[in-house]
């Protein structure tokens, strides 16, 4: 339940940001791509860097398209919420209970 709430909040925040600030989304996407590229230089960072690279690339694409309306913002919010949920869910399943 906790991961679902966090994913919903992340998706809502990204969707609202994309709807209001399309150009800021492009800049944020570029920053995410740079951070992801730096993280993928290490083996451990590649686990986080590759999904972050994909989210950044999609953010750039939807940021460019968000000037035309709310549909790209809604799609991006849904996509980010889904990615966050899946990452948190897999982390909870792989957690060592001790």
C-alpha atoms as a PDB file:
ATOM      1  CA  UNK A   1       0.000   0.000   0.000  1.00  0.00           C
ATOM      2  CA  UNK A   2       2.853   2.351   0.853  1.00  0.00           C
ATOM      3  CA  UNK A   3       4.529   1.900  -2.540  1.00  0.00           C
ATOM      4  CA  UNK A   4       1.215   2.519  -4.303  1.00  0.00           C
ATOM      5  CA  UNK A   5       0.754   5.833  -2.473  1.00  0.00           C
ATOM      6  CA  UNK A   6       4.312   6.946  -3.217  1.00  0.00           C
ATOM      7  CA  UNK A   7       3.912   6.013  -6.896  1.00  0.00           C
ATOM      8  CA  UNK A   8       0.592   7.865  -7.111  1.00  0.00           C
ATOM      9  CA  UNK A   9       2.106  10.980  -5.553  1.00  0.00           C
ATOM     10  CA  UNK A  10       5.100  10.844  -7.913  1.00  0.00           C
ATOM     11  CA  UNK A  11       2.847  10.382 -10.938  1.00  0.00           C
ATOM     12  CA  UNK A  12       0.568  13.238  -9.871  1.00  0.00           C
ATOM     13  CA  UNK A  13       3.503  15.569  -9.270  1.00  0.00           C
ATOM     14  CA  UNK A  14       5.109  14.779 -12.619  1.00  0.00           C
ATOM     15  CA  UNK A  15       1.780  15.083 -14.439  1.00  0.00           C
ATOM     16  CA  UNK A  16       1.068  18.488 -12.937  1.00  0.00           C
ATOM     17  CA  UNK A  17       4.604  19.645 -13.640  1.00  0.00           C
ATOM     18  CA  UNK A  18       4.339  18.514 -17.244  1.00  0.00           C
ATOM     19  CA  UNK A  19       0.997  20.229 -17.700  1.00  0.00           C
ATOM     20  CA  UNK A  20       2.142  23.552 -16.284  1.00  0.00           C
ATOM     21  CA  UNK A  21       5.794  23.695 -17.238  1.00  0.00           C
ATOM     22  CA  UNK A  22       6.539  21.945 -20.517  1.00  0.00           C
ATOM     23  CA  UNK A  23       9.926  23.574 -21.016  1.00  0.00           C
ATOM     24  CA  UNK A  24      10.943  22.852 -17.439  1.00  0.00           C
ATOM     25  CA  UNK A  25      10.149  19.214 -18.157  1.00  0.00           C
ATOM     26  CA  UNK A  26      12.566  19.245 -21.068  1.00  0.00           C
ATOM     27  CA  UNK A  27      15.286  20.685 -18.830  1.00  0.00           C
ATOM     28  CA  UNK A  28      14.469  18.184 -16.074  1.00  0.00           C
ATOM     29  CA  UNK A  29      14.606  15.382 -18.635  1.00  0.00           C
ATOM     30  CA  UNK A  30      18.039  16.524 -19.784  1.00  0.00           C
ATOM     31  CA  UNK A  31      19.264  16.617 -16.184  1.00  0.00           C
ATOM     32  CA  UNK A  32      17.915  13.098 -15.604  1.00  0.00           C
ATOM     33  CA  UNK A  33      19.681  11.848 -18.723  1.00  0.00           C
ATOM     34  CA  UNK A  34      22.997  13.337 -17.579  1.00  0.00           C
ATOM     35  CA  UNK A  35      22.617  11.916 -14.056  1.00  0.00           C
ATOM     36  CA  UNK A  36      21.648   8.528 -15.494  1.00  0.00           C
ATOM     37  CA  UNK A  37      24.659   8.552 -17.800  1.00  0.00           C
ATOM     38  CA  UNK A  38      26.932   9.252 -14.838  1.00  0.00           C
ATOM     39  CA  UNK A  39      25.280   6.540 -12.739  1.00  0.00           C
ATOM     40  CA  UNK A  40      25.618   3.912 -15.431  1.00  0.00           C
ATOM     41  CA  UNK A  41      29.401   4.249 -15.338  1.00  0.00           C
ATOM     42  CA  UNK A  42      29.407   1.973 -12.287  1.00  0.00           C
ATOM     43  CA  UNK A  43      27.991  -1.528 -12.135  1.00  0.00           C
ATOM     44  CA  UNK A  44      25.780  -0.792  -9.124  1.00  0.00           C
ATOM     45  CA  UNK A  45      24.644   2.525 -10.556  1.00  0.00           C
ATOM     46  CA  UNK A  46      23.525   0.868 -13.781  1.00  0.00           C
ATOM     47  CA  UNK A  47      20.592  -0.683 -11.927  1.00  0.00           C
ATOM     48  CA  UNK A  48      19.255   2.792 -11.175  1.00  0.00           C
ATOM     49  CA  UNK A  49      20.775   4.646 -14.111  1.00  0.00           C
ATOM     50  CA  UNK A  50      19.173   2.708 -16.959  1.00  0.00           C
ATOM     51  CA  UNK A  51      15.543   3.190 -15.820  1.00  0.00           C
ATOM     52  CA  UNK A  52      16.366   6.804 -14.988  1.00  0.00           C
ATOM     53  CA  UNK A  53      17.741   7.261 -18.490  1.00  0.00           C
ATOM     54  CA  UNK A  54      14.499   5.950 -19.959  1.00  0.00           C
ATOM     55  CA  UNK A  55      12.369   8.221 -17.759  1.00  0.00           C
ATOM     56  CA  UNK A  56      14.541  11.201 -18.722  1.00  0.00           C
ATOM     57  CA  UNK A  57      14.228  10.444 -22.422  1.00  0.00           C
ATOM     58  CA  UNK A  58      10.470  10.049 -22.162  1.00  0.00           C
ATOM     59  CA  UNK A  59      10.359  13.285 -20.138  1.00  0.00           C
ATOM     60  CA  UNK A  60      12.120  15.149 -22.906  1.00  0.00           C
ATOM     61  CA  UNK A  61       9.754  13.748 -25.523  1.00  0.00           C
ATOM     62  CA  UNK A  62       6.630  14.533 -23.523  1.00  0.00           C
ATOM     63  CA  UNK A  63       7.988  17.936 -22.502  1.00  0.00           C
ATOM     64  CA  UNK A  64       8.254  18.876 -26.148  1.00  0.00           C
ATOM     65  CA  UNK A  65       4.765  17.534 -26.822  1.00  0.00           C
ATOM     66  CA  UNK A  66       3.159  19.000 -23.686  1.00  0.00           C
ATOM     67  CA  UNK A  67       2.902  22.422 -25.250  1.00  0.00           C
ATOM     68  CA  UNK A  68      -0.081  21.054 -27.169  1.00  0.00           C
ATOM     69  CA  UNK A  69      -2.218  19.955 -24.213  1.00  0.00           C
ATOM     70  CA  UNK A  70      -2.802  17.851 -21.131  1.00  0.00           C
ATOM     71  CA  UNK A  71      -2.767  14.384 -22.736  1.00  0.00           C
ATOM     72  CA  UNK A  72       1.051  14.069 -22.806  1.00  0.00           C
ATOM     73  CA  UNK A  73       1.175  15.293 -19.207  1.00  0.00           C
ATOM     74  CA  UNK A  74      -1.343  12.643 -18.187  1.00  0.00           C
ATOM     75  CA  UNK A  75       0.566   9.924 -20.023  1.00  0.00           C
ATOM     76  CA  UNK A  76       3.877  10.965 -18.495  1.00  0.00           C
ATOM     77  CA  UNK A  77       2.402  11.065 -14.992  1.00  0.00           C
ATOM     78  CA  UNK A  78       0.973   7.585 -15.486  1.00  0.00           C
ATOM     79  CA  UNK A  79       4.269   6.273 -16.845  1.00  0.00           C
ATOM     80  CA  UNK A  80       6.329   7.724 -13.987  1.00  0.00           C
ATOM     81  CA  UNK A  81       3.857   6.426 -11.423  1.00  0.00           C
ATOM     82  CA  UNK A  82       4.071   2.960 -12.930  1.00  0.00           C
ATOM     83  CA  UNK A  83       7.886   2.980 -13.016  1.00  0.00           C
ATOM     84  CA  UNK A  84       8.102   4.164  -9.400  1.00  0.00           C
ATOM     85  CA  UNK A  85       5.573   1.549  -8.291  1.00  0.00           C
ATOM     86  CA  UNK A  86       7.390  -1.293 -10.056  1.00  0.00           C
ATOM     87  CA  UNK A  87      10.770  -0.241  -8.648  1.00  0.00           C
ATOM     88  CA  UNK A  88       9.438   0.035  -5.101  1.00  0.00           C
ATOM     89  CA  UNK A  89       7.560  -3.251  -5.424  1.00  0.00           C
ATOM     90  CA  UNK A  90      10.642  -5.108  -6.633  1.00  0.00           C
ATOM     91  CA  UNK A  91      12.693  -3.554  -3.857  1.00  0.00           C
ATOM     92  CA  UNK A  92      10.142  -4.708  -1.261  1.00  0.00           C
ATOM     93  CA  UNK A  93      10.110  -8.226  -2.682  1.00  0.00           C
ATOM     94  CA  UNK A  94      13.905  -8.441  -2.669  1.00  0.00           C
ATOM     95  CA  UNK A  95      14.280  -7.035   0.837  1.00  0.00           C
ATOM     96  CA  UNK A  96      16.054  -9.274   3.302  1.00  0.00           C
ATOM     97  CA  UNK A  97      13.938  -9.763   6.396  1.00  0.00           C
ATOM     98  CA  UNK A  98      16.174 -10.203   9.367  1.00  0.00           C
END
